[in-house]
Every structure is written in C-alpha cells, then in structure tokens.
C-alpha cells in the first residue's frame, strides 16, 4: 500500500532540516499517524521565559511556519500570556489566546481545554518547552495537535525515568553523547578552533574572542566549573 511504499523511500535515507544540520540524520524510525483534513493552522507553545520569570503561553494564527520568522516579520501576530506558576493559566488567559486565533463557539472551548491539558503536561513532566506547530481546526470543527515537540529539564531526569528511557542516541551527535556520559557540557560546531574551558560563561567569552579575531569555534565545551 501507499504507506509501505513511502516508508521504504524514507527509511535508511538522510533527512536534512534546520534541526539536523547540513549533513542530516539517517531515518531509522517512522511514526505513522492518522491523516486529517484541515484548512486552518495555528501555533501554540509553552516556554520558560526568563524575562517574566515564569512559564509563558504563546499563540499565533500563523501556524505551520517558522515562528522565528513570524516574530521577525509580523510580531503583532503573536500573543503571549505569562502564567502564575502557583495557580496555572486562568480561563481569561486561555480565552484571550483562543480568541486571538480567531476561534469561537465549540472550537474556542476545545482550544482552551487543549491549552490547559498541555500546561498540565508541561508541569508534570518538568518540561522547558512544549511547541505545537501546527495546532489545527479540522473540517469537522475539531481542534487537534498535529505536530509538536517537547524539551525536558535535564535536572529532573531522575523523576522521569519512563520519559528518558525513550531517548534515542542514534539521533544525537555521538560526540555530545560521549561527553554527556562523563558529565561534560559539549556542543559540536563547524569551526576549526577547539575549545576546552572551565565554566560556561568563560566558554562563551572564549568563543566570542575567536569570532572577533576571524576564527570559528569547533565546539562549545564547559568542563563544569569545578576542574
């Protein structure tokens, strides 16, 4: 059938996106989901915001797009609601966001319920980000999370062994996996100057100096501040 044929074309090949870098990542697993008919796409996210010192709910009518591009070209299209972490989002906040998406009636109520459920998930899993892009309204008037991603607080790993058991090391840079195993903060880059620095702040400053003098760092490496 069609699913099998398309799967054969994807498995074993390299997928190149903004997240993978220029070399891409070999496709080893596929997630197959129901095909939905929809004509309205939205964006919704929950992020930790240092400026507000709180979780922030973010929504935009311009779903299915790179939200950074939307923020740069049309910031008015993005609505934000900082949340009191001791109380959670209020009905007034989720209603404002749902209305900012142009929703009304039952679709508005569904969107509010979805936002509240996602916030509950955000808190219970010690997430640092939940991004739904797109959040859609189907032709039948249902609000559905079609695609999304989550980031988790590394410091809470011990509380969520079930989540971390799904970590797929094949999808990660082998150098970063090896560094993480011995407690180092390492990020591989494309430059030619290797960096090994004691402390994240000094590591960032060192990279700035390299750029200032015309070089490019080959990595970010903070050995932990206690070396």
N, C-alpha and C. Protein backbone atom coordinates (compact mmCIF):
# COMPACT_ATOMS: atom_id res chain seq x y z
N UNK A 1 0.84 -1.20 0.00
CA UNK A 1 0.00 0.00 0.00
C UNK A 1 0.88 1.26 0.00
N UNK A 2 0.24 2.41 -0.01
CA UNK A 2 0.97 3.67 -0.16
C UNK A 2 1.88 3.94 1.04
N UNK A 3 1.40 3.62 2.25
CA UNK A 3 2.20 3.85 3.45
C UNK A 3 3.50 3.05 3.39
N UNK A 4 3.39 1.81 2.97
CA UNK A 4 4.57 0.95 2.88
C UNK A 4 5.55 1.47 1.84
N UNK A 5 5.03 1.90 0.70
CA UNK A 5 5.91 2.39 -0.37
C UNK A 5 6.65 3.67 0.05
N UNK A 6 5.93 4.60 0.67
CA UNK A 6 6.56 5.84 1.12
C UNK A 6 7.57 5.56 2.23
N UNK A 7 7.25 4.62 3.11
CA UNK A 7 8.16 4.26 4.19
C UNK A 7 9.48 3.73 3.65
N UNK A 8 9.40 2.91 2.61
CA UNK A 8 10.61 2.36 2.00
C UNK A 8 11.50 3.46 1.44
N UNK A 9 10.86 4.51 0.91
CA UNK A 9 11.64 5.62 0.34
C UNK A 9 12.32 6.45 1.42
N UNK A 10 11.76 6.48 2.62
CA UNK A 10 12.29 7.32 3.70
C UNK A 10 13.32 6.59 4.56
N UNK A 11 13.02 5.36 4.93
CA UNK A 11 13.90 4.61 5.83
C UNK A 11 15.28 4.39 5.20
N UNK A 12 16.30 4.66 5.99
CA UNK A 12 17.67 4.46 5.53
C UNK A 12 18.27 5.64 4.80
N UNK A 13 17.44 6.64 4.47
CA UNK A 13 17.94 7.84 3.80
C UNK A 13 18.19 8.96 4.80
N UNK A 14 18.97 9.94 4.38
CA UNK A 14 19.28 11.07 5.25
C UNK A 14 18.21 12.16 5.14
N UNK A 15 17.77 12.63 6.29
CA UNK A 15 16.81 13.73 6.35
C UNK A 15 17.57 14.99 6.76
N UNK A 16 17.46 16.03 5.94
CA UNK A 16 18.16 17.28 6.23
C UNK A 16 17.13 18.37 6.52
N UNK A 17 17.19 18.93 7.73
CA UNK A 17 16.32 20.03 8.12
C UNK A 17 17.17 21.06 8.87
N UNK A 18 16.53 22.13 9.31
CA UNK A 18 17.24 23.15 10.10
C UNK A 18 17.76 22.56 11.41
N UNK A 19 17.04 21.57 11.93
CA UNK A 19 17.44 20.97 13.21
C UNK A 19 18.59 19.99 13.07
N UNK A 20 18.74 19.37 11.90
CA UNK A 20 19.75 18.31 11.76
C UNK A 20 21.12 18.84 11.36
N UNK A 21 21.20 20.03 10.80
CA UNK A 21 22.46 20.49 10.25
C UNK A 21 22.61 20.04 8.81
N UNK A 22 23.71 20.46 8.19
CA UNK A 22 23.86 20.22 6.75
C UNK A 22 24.02 18.76 6.37
N UNK A 23 24.55 17.94 7.30
CA UNK A 23 24.78 16.52 6.99
C UNK A 23 23.52 15.68 7.14
N UNK A 24 22.55 16.20 7.86
CA UNK A 24 21.31 15.47 8.04
C UNK A 24 21.43 14.32 9.03
N UNK A 25 20.33 13.60 9.21
CA UNK A 25 20.27 12.45 10.12
C UNK A 25 19.63 11.28 9.38
N UNK A 26 20.20 10.10 9.55
CA UNK A 26 19.67 8.91 8.90
C UNK A 26 18.32 8.54 9.51
N UNK A 27 17.32 8.32 8.66
CA UNK A 27 15.99 7.95 9.13
C UNK A 27 15.99 6.47 9.49
N UNK A 28 15.77 6.17 10.78
CA UNK A 28 15.78 4.79 11.24
C UNK A 28 14.42 4.34 11.78
N UNK A 29 13.57 5.33 12.11
CA UNK A 29 12.24 5.01 12.61
C UNK A 29 11.23 5.98 12.00
N UNK A 30 10.01 5.50 11.85
CA UNK A 30 8.92 6.35 11.36
C UNK A 30 7.76 6.30 12.34
N UNK A 31 7.09 7.43 12.48
CA UNK A 31 5.87 7.49 13.27
C UNK A 31 4.72 7.74 12.30
N UNK A 32 3.80 6.82 12.25
CA UNK A 32 2.68 6.90 11.30
C UNK A 32 1.42 7.30 12.04
N UNK A 33 0.78 8.36 11.58
CA UNK A 33 -0.40 8.90 12.25
C UNK A 33 -1.56 9.03 11.28
N UNK A 34 -2.72 9.26 11.84
CA UNK A 34 -3.94 9.44 11.05
C UNK A 34 -3.81 10.69 10.17
N UNK A 35 -4.28 10.58 8.94
CA UNK A 35 -4.30 11.73 8.04
C UNK A 35 -5.57 12.53 8.29
N UNK A 36 -5.41 13.83 8.54
CA UNK A 36 -6.54 14.69 8.85
C UNK A 36 -6.75 15.74 7.77
N UNK A 37 -7.98 16.10 7.53
CA UNK A 37 -8.30 17.18 6.61
C UNK A 37 -8.54 18.45 7.42
N UNK A 38 -7.78 19.49 7.15
CA UNK A 38 -7.95 20.74 7.88
C UNK A 38 -7.61 21.90 6.95
N UNK A 39 -8.17 23.06 7.27
CA UNK A 39 -7.87 24.24 6.46
C UNK A 39 -7.40 25.43 7.30
N UNK A 40 -7.26 25.22 8.62
CA UNK A 40 -6.79 26.29 9.49
C UNK A 40 -5.67 25.78 10.37
N UNK A 41 -4.53 26.45 10.31
CA UNK A 41 -3.36 26.05 11.08
C UNK A 41 -2.96 27.17 12.04
N UNK A 42 -2.68 26.78 13.28
CA UNK A 42 -2.28 27.74 14.31
C UNK A 42 -0.98 27.27 14.97
N UNK A 43 -0.43 28.16 15.78
CA UNK A 43 0.78 27.84 16.54
C UNK A 43 0.46 28.02 18.02
N UNK A 44 0.93 27.07 18.83
CA UNK A 44 0.79 27.21 20.28
C UNK A 44 2.02 26.62 20.96
N UNK A 45 2.49 27.31 21.99
CA UNK A 45 3.66 26.82 22.72
C UNK A 45 3.58 27.25 24.17
N UNK A 46 4.29 26.51 25.00
CA UNK A 46 4.52 26.89 26.40
C UNK A 46 6.02 26.87 26.60
N UNK A 47 6.59 27.98 27.04
CA UNK A 47 8.03 28.07 27.21
C UNK A 47 8.35 28.71 28.56
N UNK A 48 9.52 28.42 29.07
CA UNK A 48 10.02 29.12 30.25
C UNK A 48 10.68 30.41 29.79
N UNK A 49 10.24 31.53 30.33
CA UNK A 49 10.73 32.84 29.90
C UNK A 49 11.43 33.53 31.06
N UNK A 50 12.72 33.78 30.92
CA UNK A 50 13.46 34.43 31.99
C UNK A 50 12.99 35.85 32.23
N UNK A 51 12.55 36.51 31.16
CA UNK A 51 12.08 37.89 31.30
C UNK A 51 10.89 37.99 32.24
N UNK A 52 9.97 37.04 32.13
CA UNK A 52 8.80 37.00 33.00
C UNK A 52 9.06 36.20 34.28
N UNK A 53 10.15 35.43 34.29
CA UNK A 53 10.43 34.51 35.40
C UNK A 53 9.25 33.58 35.63
N UNK A 54 8.70 33.09 34.52
CA UNK A 54 7.50 32.26 34.59
C UNK A 54 7.29 31.53 33.27
N UNK A 55 6.46 30.49 33.28
CA UNK A 55 6.04 29.90 32.00
C UNK A 55 5.19 30.90 31.23
N UNK A 56 5.30 30.87 29.91
CA UNK A 56 4.53 31.78 29.07
C UNK A 56 3.80 30.96 28.00
N UNK A 57 2.51 31.22 27.84
CA UNK A 57 1.73 30.63 26.77
C UNK A 57 1.86 31.52 25.54
N UNK A 58 2.15 30.92 24.40
CA UNK A 58 2.36 31.67 23.16
C UNK A 58 1.43 31.12 22.09
N UNK A 59 0.73 32.01 21.39
CA UNK A 59 -0.18 31.56 20.34
C UNK A 59 -0.11 32.49 19.13
N UNK A 60 -0.34 31.92 17.95
CA UNK A 60 -0.33 32.72 16.73
C UNK A 60 -1.25 32.07 15.68
N UNK A 61 -1.88 32.93 14.89
CA UNK A 61 -2.69 32.44 13.76
C UNK A 61 -1.81 31.82 12.68
N UNK A 62 -0.54 32.22 12.65
CA UNK A 62 0.35 31.80 11.56
C UNK A 62 1.04 30.50 11.91
N UNK A 63 0.26 29.43 11.99
CA UNK A 63 0.81 28.11 12.27
C UNK A 63 1.37 27.46 11.03
N UNK A 64 2.14 26.40 11.22
CA UNK A 64 2.75 25.69 10.11
C UNK A 64 3.94 26.40 9.53
N UNK A 65 4.38 27.50 10.19
CA UNK A 65 5.51 28.28 9.71
C UNK A 65 6.58 28.33 10.79
N UNK A 66 7.75 28.83 10.42
CA UNK A 66 8.84 29.04 11.37
C UNK A 66 8.45 30.23 12.24
N UNK A 67 8.22 29.99 13.53
CA UNK A 67 7.73 31.05 14.42
C UNK A 67 8.75 32.17 14.57
N UNK A 68 10.05 31.86 14.41
CA UNK A 68 11.07 32.91 14.49
C UNK A 68 10.90 33.90 13.33
N UNK A 69 10.55 33.39 12.16
CA UNK A 69 10.30 34.27 11.02
C UNK A 69 9.07 35.14 11.26
N UNK A 70 8.04 34.54 11.85
CA UNK A 70 6.83 35.30 12.16
C UNK A 70 7.16 36.41 13.16
N UNK A 71 7.95 36.08 14.19
CA UNK A 71 8.32 37.06 15.20
C UNK A 71 9.09 38.22 14.61
N UNK A 72 9.92 37.92 13.59
CA UNK A 72 10.73 38.97 12.97
C UNK A 72 9.92 39.82 12.00
N UNK A 73 9.03 39.19 11.24
CA UNK A 73 8.32 39.91 10.18
C UNK A 73 6.97 40.47 10.62
N UNK A 74 6.34 39.80 11.58
CA UNK A 74 4.99 40.21 11.98
C UNK A 74 4.76 39.91 13.46
N UNK A 75 5.48 40.60 14.36
CA UNK A 75 5.38 40.30 15.79
C UNK A 75 3.98 40.48 16.36
N UNK A 76 3.16 41.31 15.71
CA UNK A 76 1.80 41.53 16.19
C UNK A 76 0.94 40.28 16.06
N UNK A 77 1.40 39.33 15.25
CA UNK A 77 0.64 38.09 15.04
C UNK A 77 0.82 37.09 16.18
N UNK A 78 1.68 37.43 17.14
CA UNK A 78 1.97 36.52 18.25
C UNK A 78 1.40 37.09 19.54
N UNK A 79 0.64 36.28 20.26
CA UNK A 79 0.06 36.67 21.55
C UNK A 79 0.74 35.87 22.66
N UNK A 80 0.96 36.53 23.80
CA UNK A 80 1.63 35.88 24.93
C UNK A 80 0.85 36.10 26.21
N UNK A 81 0.88 35.09 27.07
CA UNK A 81 0.25 35.18 28.38
C UNK A 81 1.17 34.56 29.43
N UNK A 82 1.86 35.37 30.26
CA UNK A 82 2.66 34.81 31.35
C UNK A 82 1.77 34.16 32.40
N UNK A 83 2.22 33.04 32.96
CA UNK A 83 1.39 32.24 33.87
C UNK A 83 1.96 32.29 35.29
N UNK A 84 1.10 32.49 36.25
CA UNK A 84 1.46 32.36 37.66
C UNK A 84 1.64 30.87 37.93
N UNK A 85 2.86 30.44 38.16
CA UNK A 85 3.13 29.00 38.25
C UNK A 85 2.48 28.36 39.46
N UNK A 86 2.10 29.16 40.45
CA UNK A 86 1.43 28.60 41.63
C UNK A 86 -0.06 28.37 41.37
N UNK A 87 -0.60 28.99 40.30
CA UNK A 87 -2.04 28.87 40.03
C UNK A 87 -2.35 28.25 38.68
N UNK A 88 -1.45 28.38 37.72
CA UNK A 88 -1.72 27.89 36.38
C UNK A 88 -2.46 28.93 35.56
N UNK A 89 -2.68 28.64 34.28
CA UNK A 89 -3.37 29.60 33.41
C UNK A 89 -4.83 29.78 33.84
N UNK A 90 -5.32 31.00 33.74
CA UNK A 90 -6.71 31.28 34.08
C UNK A 90 -7.59 31.10 32.85
N UNK A 91 -8.89 30.99 33.08
CA UNK A 91 -9.83 30.88 31.97
C UNK A 91 -9.76 32.12 31.08
N UNK A 92 -9.55 33.29 31.73
CA UNK A 92 -9.47 34.54 30.96
C UNK A 92 -8.27 34.52 30.03
N UNK A 93 -7.14 33.97 30.49
CA UNK A 93 -5.94 33.92 29.66
C UNK A 93 -6.11 32.99 28.46
N UNK A 94 -6.62 31.78 28.71
CA UNK A 94 -6.79 30.84 27.59
C UNK A 94 -7.86 31.34 26.62
N UNK A 95 -8.86 32.05 27.13
CA UNK A 95 -9.89 32.60 26.25
C UNK A 95 -9.30 33.68 25.35
N UNK A 96 -8.46 34.55 25.93
CA UNK A 96 -7.83 35.60 25.13
C UNK A 96 -6.99 34.99 24.01
N UNK A 97 -6.23 33.95 24.35
CA UNK A 97 -5.39 33.31 23.34
C UNK A 97 -6.23 32.64 22.26
N UNK A 98 -7.28 31.94 22.67
CA UNK A 98 -8.14 31.26 21.70
C UNK A 98 -8.81 32.28 20.78
N UNK A 99 -9.24 33.39 21.35
CA UNK A 99 -9.86 34.43 20.53
C UNK A 99 -8.85 35.08 19.60
N UNK A 100 -7.58 35.17 20.05
CA UNK A 100 -6.55 35.75 19.19
C UNK A 100 -6.31 34.89 17.96
N UNK A 101 -6.68 33.61 18.06
CA UNK A 101 -6.56 32.70 16.91
C UNK A 101 -7.78 32.79 16.00
N UNK A 102 -8.77 33.57 16.42
CA UNK A 102 -9.98 33.72 15.62
C UNK A 102 -11.00 32.64 15.88
N UNK A 103 -10.84 31.89 16.98
CA UNK A 103 -11.76 30.80 17.28
C UNK A 103 -12.99 31.31 18.04
N UNK A 104 -14.07 30.57 17.90
CA UNK A 104 -15.30 30.90 18.60
C UNK A 104 -16.10 29.63 18.83
N UNK A 105 -17.14 29.74 19.65
CA UNK A 105 -18.04 28.61 19.87
C UNK A 105 -17.33 27.40 20.45
N UNK A 106 -17.69 26.22 19.95
CA UNK A 106 -17.15 24.98 20.48
C UNK A 106 -15.65 24.86 20.22
N UNK A 107 -15.17 25.38 19.09
CA UNK A 107 -13.74 25.32 18.78
C UNK A 107 -12.94 26.11 19.81
N UNK A 108 -13.48 27.23 20.25
CA UNK A 108 -12.81 28.03 21.28
C UNK A 108 -12.69 27.25 22.57
N UNK A 109 -13.78 26.59 22.98
CA UNK A 109 -13.76 25.80 24.22
C UNK A 109 -12.78 24.64 24.11
N UNK A 110 -12.75 24.00 22.93
CA UNK A 110 -11.80 22.90 22.72
C UNK A 110 -10.36 23.40 22.84
N UNK A 111 -10.09 24.57 22.26
CA UNK A 111 -8.75 25.14 22.31
C UNK A 111 -8.34 25.44 23.75
N UNK A 112 -9.27 26.00 24.53
CA UNK A 112 -8.98 26.28 25.94
C UNK A 112 -8.65 24.99 26.68
N UNK A 113 -9.44 23.96 26.44
CA UNK A 113 -9.21 22.67 27.10
C UNK A 113 -7.85 22.10 26.70
N UNK A 114 -7.50 22.22 25.41
CA UNK A 114 -6.21 21.73 24.93
C UNK A 114 -5.06 22.48 25.60
N UNK A 115 -5.18 23.80 25.69
CA UNK A 115 -4.14 24.61 26.34
C UNK A 115 -3.95 24.20 27.80
N UNK A 116 -5.06 23.98 28.51
CA UNK A 116 -4.97 23.59 29.91
C UNK A 116 -4.33 22.21 30.07
N UNK A 117 -4.68 21.30 29.17
CA UNK A 117 -4.11 19.95 29.24
C UNK A 117 -2.61 19.98 28.94
N UNK A 118 -2.23 20.80 27.96
CA UNK A 118 -0.81 20.91 27.63
C UNK A 118 -0.03 21.55 28.78
N UNK A 119 -0.63 22.53 29.45
CA UNK A 119 0.05 23.14 30.59
C UNK A 119 0.23 22.11 31.71
N UNK A 120 -0.79 21.29 31.95
CA UNK A 120 -0.69 20.23 32.96
C UNK A 120 0.45 19.28 32.60
N UNK A 121 0.55 18.91 31.32
CA UNK A 121 1.64 18.05 30.85
C UNK A 121 2.99 18.73 31.06
N UNK A 122 3.05 20.02 30.76
CA UNK A 122 4.27 20.81 30.90
C UNK A 122 4.80 20.74 32.33
N UNK A 123 3.92 20.93 33.30
CA UNK A 123 4.31 20.94 34.70
C UNK A 123 4.66 19.54 35.19
N UNK A 124 3.82 18.57 34.86
CA UNK A 124 4.00 17.21 35.39
C UNK A 124 5.25 16.53 34.87
N UNK A 125 5.72 16.92 33.67
CA UNK A 125 6.90 16.27 33.08
C UNK A 125 8.17 17.11 33.22
N UNK A 126 8.08 18.22 33.98
CA UNK A 126 9.24 19.11 34.13
C UNK A 126 9.78 19.54 32.77
N UNK A 127 8.88 19.96 31.92
CA UNK A 127 9.28 20.41 30.58
C UNK A 127 9.85 21.83 30.64
N UNK A 128 10.67 22.14 29.67
CA UNK A 128 11.13 23.52 29.49
C UNK A 128 10.48 24.14 28.27
N UNK A 129 9.87 23.29 27.43
CA UNK A 129 9.18 23.78 26.24
C UNK A 129 8.22 22.71 25.70
N UNK A 130 7.02 23.15 25.34
CA UNK A 130 6.11 22.35 24.54
C UNK A 130 5.71 23.22 23.36
N UNK A 131 5.93 22.73 22.16
CA UNK A 131 5.61 23.51 20.96
C UNK A 131 4.70 22.68 20.05
N UNK A 132 3.52 23.20 19.76
CA UNK A 132 2.57 22.54 18.86
C UNK A 132 2.51 23.37 17.58
N UNK A 133 2.99 22.80 16.49
CA UNK A 133 3.02 23.53 15.23
C UNK A 133 2.93 22.55 14.05
N UNK A 134 1.72 22.39 13.48
CA UNK A 134 0.56 23.23 13.77
C UNK A 134 -0.44 22.61 14.73
N UNK A 135 -1.18 23.50 15.38
CA UNK A 135 -2.44 23.16 16.04
C UNK A 135 -3.51 23.48 15.01
N UNK A 136 -4.37 22.52 14.69
CA UNK A 136 -5.28 22.73 13.56
C UNK A 136 -6.74 22.64 13.98
N UNK A 137 -7.57 23.23 13.14
CA UNK A 137 -9.02 23.04 13.23
C UNK A 137 -9.43 22.23 12.01
N UNK A 138 -9.93 21.03 12.24
CA UNK A 138 -10.29 20.14 11.13
C UNK A 138 -11.58 20.63 10.46
N UNK A 139 -11.87 20.03 9.32
CA UNK A 139 -13.10 20.38 8.60
C UNK A 139 -14.34 20.02 9.40
N UNK A 140 -14.16 19.13 10.41
CA UNK A 140 -15.27 18.75 11.28
C UNK A 140 -15.35 19.61 12.53
N UNK A 141 -14.48 20.64 12.60
CA UNK A 141 -14.52 21.55 13.73
C UNK A 141 -13.78 21.08 14.96
N UNK A 142 -12.90 20.06 14.81
CA UNK A 142 -12.13 19.57 15.95
C UNK A 142 -10.78 20.29 16.03
N UNK A 143 -10.33 20.57 17.26
CA UNK A 143 -9.02 21.15 17.49
C UNK A 143 -8.05 20.02 17.80
N UNK A 144 -7.00 19.89 16.98
CA UNK A 144 -6.10 18.74 17.09
C UNK A 144 -4.64 19.21 17.04
N UNK A 145 -3.81 18.61 17.89
CA UNK A 145 -2.36 18.84 17.85
C UNK A 145 -1.79 17.89 16.80
N UNK A 146 -1.41 18.44 15.65
CA UNK A 146 -0.95 17.60 14.54
C UNK A 146 0.54 17.30 14.65
N UNK A 147 1.33 18.26 15.08
CA UNK A 147 2.77 18.05 15.19
C UNK A 147 3.28 18.84 16.39
N UNK A 148 4.32 18.35 17.01
CA UNK A 148 4.84 19.06 18.18
C UNK A 148 6.17 18.53 18.64
N UNK A 149 6.74 19.24 19.58
CA UNK A 149 8.00 18.79 20.19
C UNK A 149 8.03 19.23 21.65
N UNK A 150 8.81 18.51 22.44
CA UNK A 150 8.96 18.83 23.85
C UNK A 150 10.43 18.80 24.23
N UNK A 151 10.80 19.70 25.12
CA UNK A 151 12.12 19.67 25.74
C UNK A 151 11.93 19.48 27.24
N UNK A 152 12.86 18.74 27.86
CA UNK A 152 12.74 18.43 29.28
C UNK A 152 13.95 18.94 30.04
N UNK A 153 13.72 19.27 31.31
CA UNK A 153 14.80 19.72 32.19
C UNK A 153 15.70 18.53 32.54
N UNK A 154 16.96 18.61 32.14
CA UNK A 154 17.89 17.52 32.41
C UNK A 154 17.99 17.22 33.91
N UNK A 155 17.84 18.25 34.72
CA UNK A 155 17.98 18.07 36.17
C UNK A 155 16.86 17.25 36.77
N UNK A 156 15.78 17.06 36.02
CA UNK A 156 14.64 16.29 36.51
C UNK A 156 14.62 14.87 35.95
N UNK A 157 15.71 14.45 35.35
CA UNK A 157 15.75 13.11 34.73
C UNK A 157 15.40 12.02 35.75
N UNK A 158 15.89 12.17 36.97
CA UNK A 158 15.67 11.13 37.98
C UNK A 158 14.19 10.95 38.32
N UNK A 159 13.36 11.96 38.01
CA UNK A 159 11.94 11.88 38.32
C UNK A 159 11.13 11.29 37.16
N UNK A 160 11.76 11.17 36.01
CA UNK A 160 11.01 10.75 34.81
C UNK A 160 11.78 9.69 34.03
N UNK A 161 12.10 8.61 34.69
CA UNK A 161 12.85 7.54 34.05
C UNK A 161 12.09 6.99 32.84
N UNK A 162 10.76 6.99 32.90
CA UNK A 162 9.97 6.46 31.80
C UNK A 162 10.12 7.29 30.55
N UNK A 163 10.23 8.62 30.71
CA UNK A 163 10.42 9.51 29.56
C UNK A 163 11.83 9.36 29.00
N UNK A 164 12.82 9.38 29.87
CA UNK A 164 14.21 9.33 29.42
C UNK A 164 14.58 7.98 28.83
N UNK A 165 13.78 6.96 29.13
CA UNK A 165 14.03 5.63 28.54
C UNK A 165 13.80 5.66 27.03
N UNK A 166 13.08 6.68 26.54
CA UNK A 166 12.81 6.79 25.10
C UNK A 166 13.91 7.56 24.37
N UNK A 167 14.93 8.00 25.09
CA UNK A 167 16.00 8.75 24.43
C UNK A 167 16.66 7.89 23.36
N UNK A 168 16.77 8.45 22.16
CA UNK A 168 17.34 7.72 21.02
C UNK A 168 18.71 8.31 20.71
N UNK A 169 19.76 7.64 21.17
CA UNK A 169 21.11 8.16 21.00
C UNK A 169 21.54 8.20 19.54
N UNK A 170 20.89 7.39 18.71
CA UNK A 170 21.23 7.38 17.29
C UNK A 170 20.87 8.69 16.62
N UNK A 171 19.96 9.46 17.24
CA UNK A 171 19.54 10.74 16.68
C UNK A 171 20.42 11.90 17.15
N UNK A 172 21.42 11.60 17.98
CA UNK A 172 22.24 12.65 18.56
C UNK A 172 23.67 12.58 18.05
N UNK A 173 24.38 13.68 18.19
CA UNK A 173 25.80 13.73 17.85
C UNK A 173 26.55 12.81 18.80
N UNK A 174 27.28 11.83 18.26
CA UNK A 174 27.96 10.84 19.09
C UNK A 174 28.96 11.50 20.05
N UNK A 175 29.54 12.62 19.62
CA UNK A 175 30.48 13.33 20.49
C UNK A 175 29.77 13.91 21.71
N UNK A 176 28.57 14.43 21.47
CA UNK A 176 27.81 15.02 22.57
C UNK A 176 27.31 13.94 23.54
N UNK A 177 26.96 12.78 23.00
CA UNK A 177 26.53 11.67 23.85
C UNK A 177 27.68 11.22 24.74
N UNK A 178 28.87 11.10 24.17
CA UNK A 178 30.04 10.66 24.93
C UNK A 178 30.39 11.67 26.02
N UNK A 179 30.31 12.96 25.69
CA UNK A 179 30.62 14.00 26.67
C UNK A 179 29.61 13.99 27.80
N UNK A 180 28.34 13.83 27.46
CA UNK A 180 27.28 13.81 28.47
C UNK A 180 27.46 12.67 29.45
N UNK A 181 27.96 11.54 28.96
CA UNK A 181 28.15 10.36 29.80
C UNK A 181 29.17 10.59 30.91
N UNK A 182 30.08 11.54 30.69
CA UNK A 182 31.09 11.83 31.71
C UNK A 182 30.88 13.20 32.35
N UNK A 183 29.67 13.75 32.16
CA UNK A 183 29.31 14.98 32.85
C UNK A 183 29.83 16.27 32.26
N UNK A 184 30.14 16.27 30.96
CA UNK A 184 30.62 17.48 30.31
C UNK A 184 29.54 18.11 29.45
N UNK A 185 29.54 19.44 29.39
CA UNK A 185 28.62 20.17 28.52
C UNK A 185 29.32 20.45 27.20
N UNK A 186 28.98 19.68 26.19
CA UNK A 186 29.67 19.76 24.89
C UNK A 186 28.65 19.94 23.78
N UNK A 187 28.94 20.86 22.86
CA UNK A 187 28.14 21.03 21.65
C UNK A 187 29.09 21.12 20.46
N UNK A 188 28.94 20.22 19.52
CA UNK A 188 29.79 20.22 18.33
C UNK A 188 29.40 21.33 17.37
N UNK A 189 30.39 22.03 16.82
CA UNK A 189 30.17 23.10 15.86
C UNK A 189 30.99 22.84 14.60
N UNK A 190 30.98 23.78 13.68
CA UNK A 190 31.61 23.55 12.37
C UNK A 190 32.94 24.28 12.18
N UNK A 191 33.47 24.88 13.24
CA UNK A 191 34.69 25.68 13.09
C UNK A 191 35.96 24.88 13.14
N UNK A 192 37.09 25.62 13.29
CA UNK A 192 38.40 24.97 13.25
C UNK A 192 39.20 25.15 14.54
N UNK A 193 38.67 25.89 15.51
CA UNK A 193 39.41 26.13 16.76
C UNK A 193 38.72 25.38 17.90
N UNK A 194 39.42 24.38 18.44
CA UNK A 194 38.87 23.60 19.54
C UNK A 194 38.88 24.39 20.84
N UNK A 195 37.85 24.19 21.67
CA UNK A 195 37.74 24.91 22.94
C UNK A 195 37.52 23.94 24.09
N UNK A 196 38.29 24.10 25.16
CA UNK A 196 38.07 23.37 26.40
C UNK A 196 38.22 24.37 27.53
N UNK A 197 37.09 24.73 28.15
CA UNK A 197 37.07 25.87 29.06
C UNK A 197 36.41 25.49 30.37
N UNK A 198 36.87 26.09 31.46
CA UNK A 198 36.33 25.83 32.79
C UNK A 198 35.26 26.87 33.12
N UNK A 199 33.97 26.50 32.90
CA UNK A 199 32.88 27.41 33.19
C UNK A 199 32.18 27.87 31.93
N UNK A 200 30.84 27.85 31.93
CA UNK A 200 30.07 28.18 30.73
C UNK A 200 30.25 29.63 30.31
N UNK A 201 30.29 30.54 31.27
CA UNK A 201 30.45 31.96 30.93
C UNK A 201 31.77 32.23 30.24
N UNK A 202 32.84 31.66 30.78
CA UNK A 202 34.15 31.83 30.16
C UNK A 202 34.20 31.15 28.81
N UNK A 203 33.50 30.02 28.68
CA UNK A 203 33.45 29.31 27.39
C UNK A 203 32.80 30.18 26.32
N UNK A 204 31.71 30.85 26.68
CA UNK A 204 31.04 31.73 25.73
C UNK A 204 31.94 32.91 25.36
N UNK A 205 32.61 33.46 26.36
CA UNK A 205 33.52 34.59 26.09
C UNK A 205 34.67 34.17 25.19
N UNK A 206 35.18 32.96 25.41
CA UNK A 206 36.27 32.45 24.58
C UNK A 206 35.82 32.32 23.13
N UNK A 207 34.61 31.84 22.93
CA UNK A 207 34.08 31.72 21.57
C UNK A 207 33.92 33.10 20.93
N UNK A 208 33.50 34.08 21.72
CA UNK A 208 33.37 35.45 21.20
C UNK A 208 34.72 35.99 20.74
N UNK A 209 35.77 35.72 21.51
CA UNK A 209 37.12 36.19 21.16
C UNK A 209 37.59 35.53 19.86
N UNK A 210 37.28 34.23 19.72
CA UNK A 210 37.66 33.53 18.50
C UNK A 210 36.99 34.16 17.29
N UNK A 211 35.69 34.45 17.40
CA UNK A 211 34.97 35.12 16.31
C UNK A 211 35.55 36.50 16.04
N UNK A 212 35.89 37.22 17.10
CA UNK A 212 36.41 38.58 16.97
C UNK A 212 37.69 38.61 16.14
N UNK A 213 38.48 37.56 16.25
CA UNK A 213 39.76 37.51 15.53
C UNK A 213 39.67 36.70 14.23
N UNK A 214 38.46 36.51 13.74
CA UNK A 214 38.30 35.91 12.42
C UNK A 214 38.22 34.40 12.38
N UNK A 215 38.23 33.75 13.53
CA UNK A 215 38.14 32.29 13.55
C UNK A 215 36.72 31.83 13.84
N UNK A 216 36.53 30.53 13.82
CA UNK A 216 35.24 29.96 14.20
C UNK A 216 35.49 28.76 15.12
N UNK A 217 34.77 28.68 16.23
CA UNK A 217 34.99 27.58 17.18
C UNK A 217 34.50 26.24 16.63
N UNK A 218 35.24 25.20 16.95
CA UNK A 218 34.87 23.85 16.52
C UNK A 218 33.89 23.20 17.49
N UNK A 219 33.76 23.79 18.68
CA UNK A 219 32.89 23.21 19.68
C UNK A 219 32.68 24.20 20.84
N UNK A 220 31.68 23.91 21.61
CA UNK A 220 31.49 24.52 22.93
C UNK A 220 31.75 23.42 23.93
N UNK A 221 32.67 23.66 24.88
CA UNK A 221 32.94 22.64 25.89
C UNK A 221 33.18 23.31 27.24
N UNK A 222 32.24 23.09 28.14
CA UNK A 222 32.37 23.56 29.53
C UNK A 222 32.65 22.33 30.38
N UNK A 223 33.83 22.32 31.01
CA UNK A 223 34.20 21.15 31.80
C UNK A 223 33.58 21.15 33.19
N UNK A 224 32.74 22.13 33.48
CA UNK A 224 31.93 22.03 34.68
C UNK A 224 32.16 23.06 35.76
N UNK A 225 33.18 23.87 35.63
CA UNK A 225 33.41 24.90 36.64
C UNK A 225 34.11 24.42 37.87
N UNK A 226 34.33 23.11 37.98
CA UNK A 226 34.97 22.58 39.19
C UNK A 226 36.28 21.89 38.91
N UNK A 227 36.77 22.02 37.69
CA UNK A 227 38.01 21.34 37.33
C UNK A 227 39.22 22.01 37.98
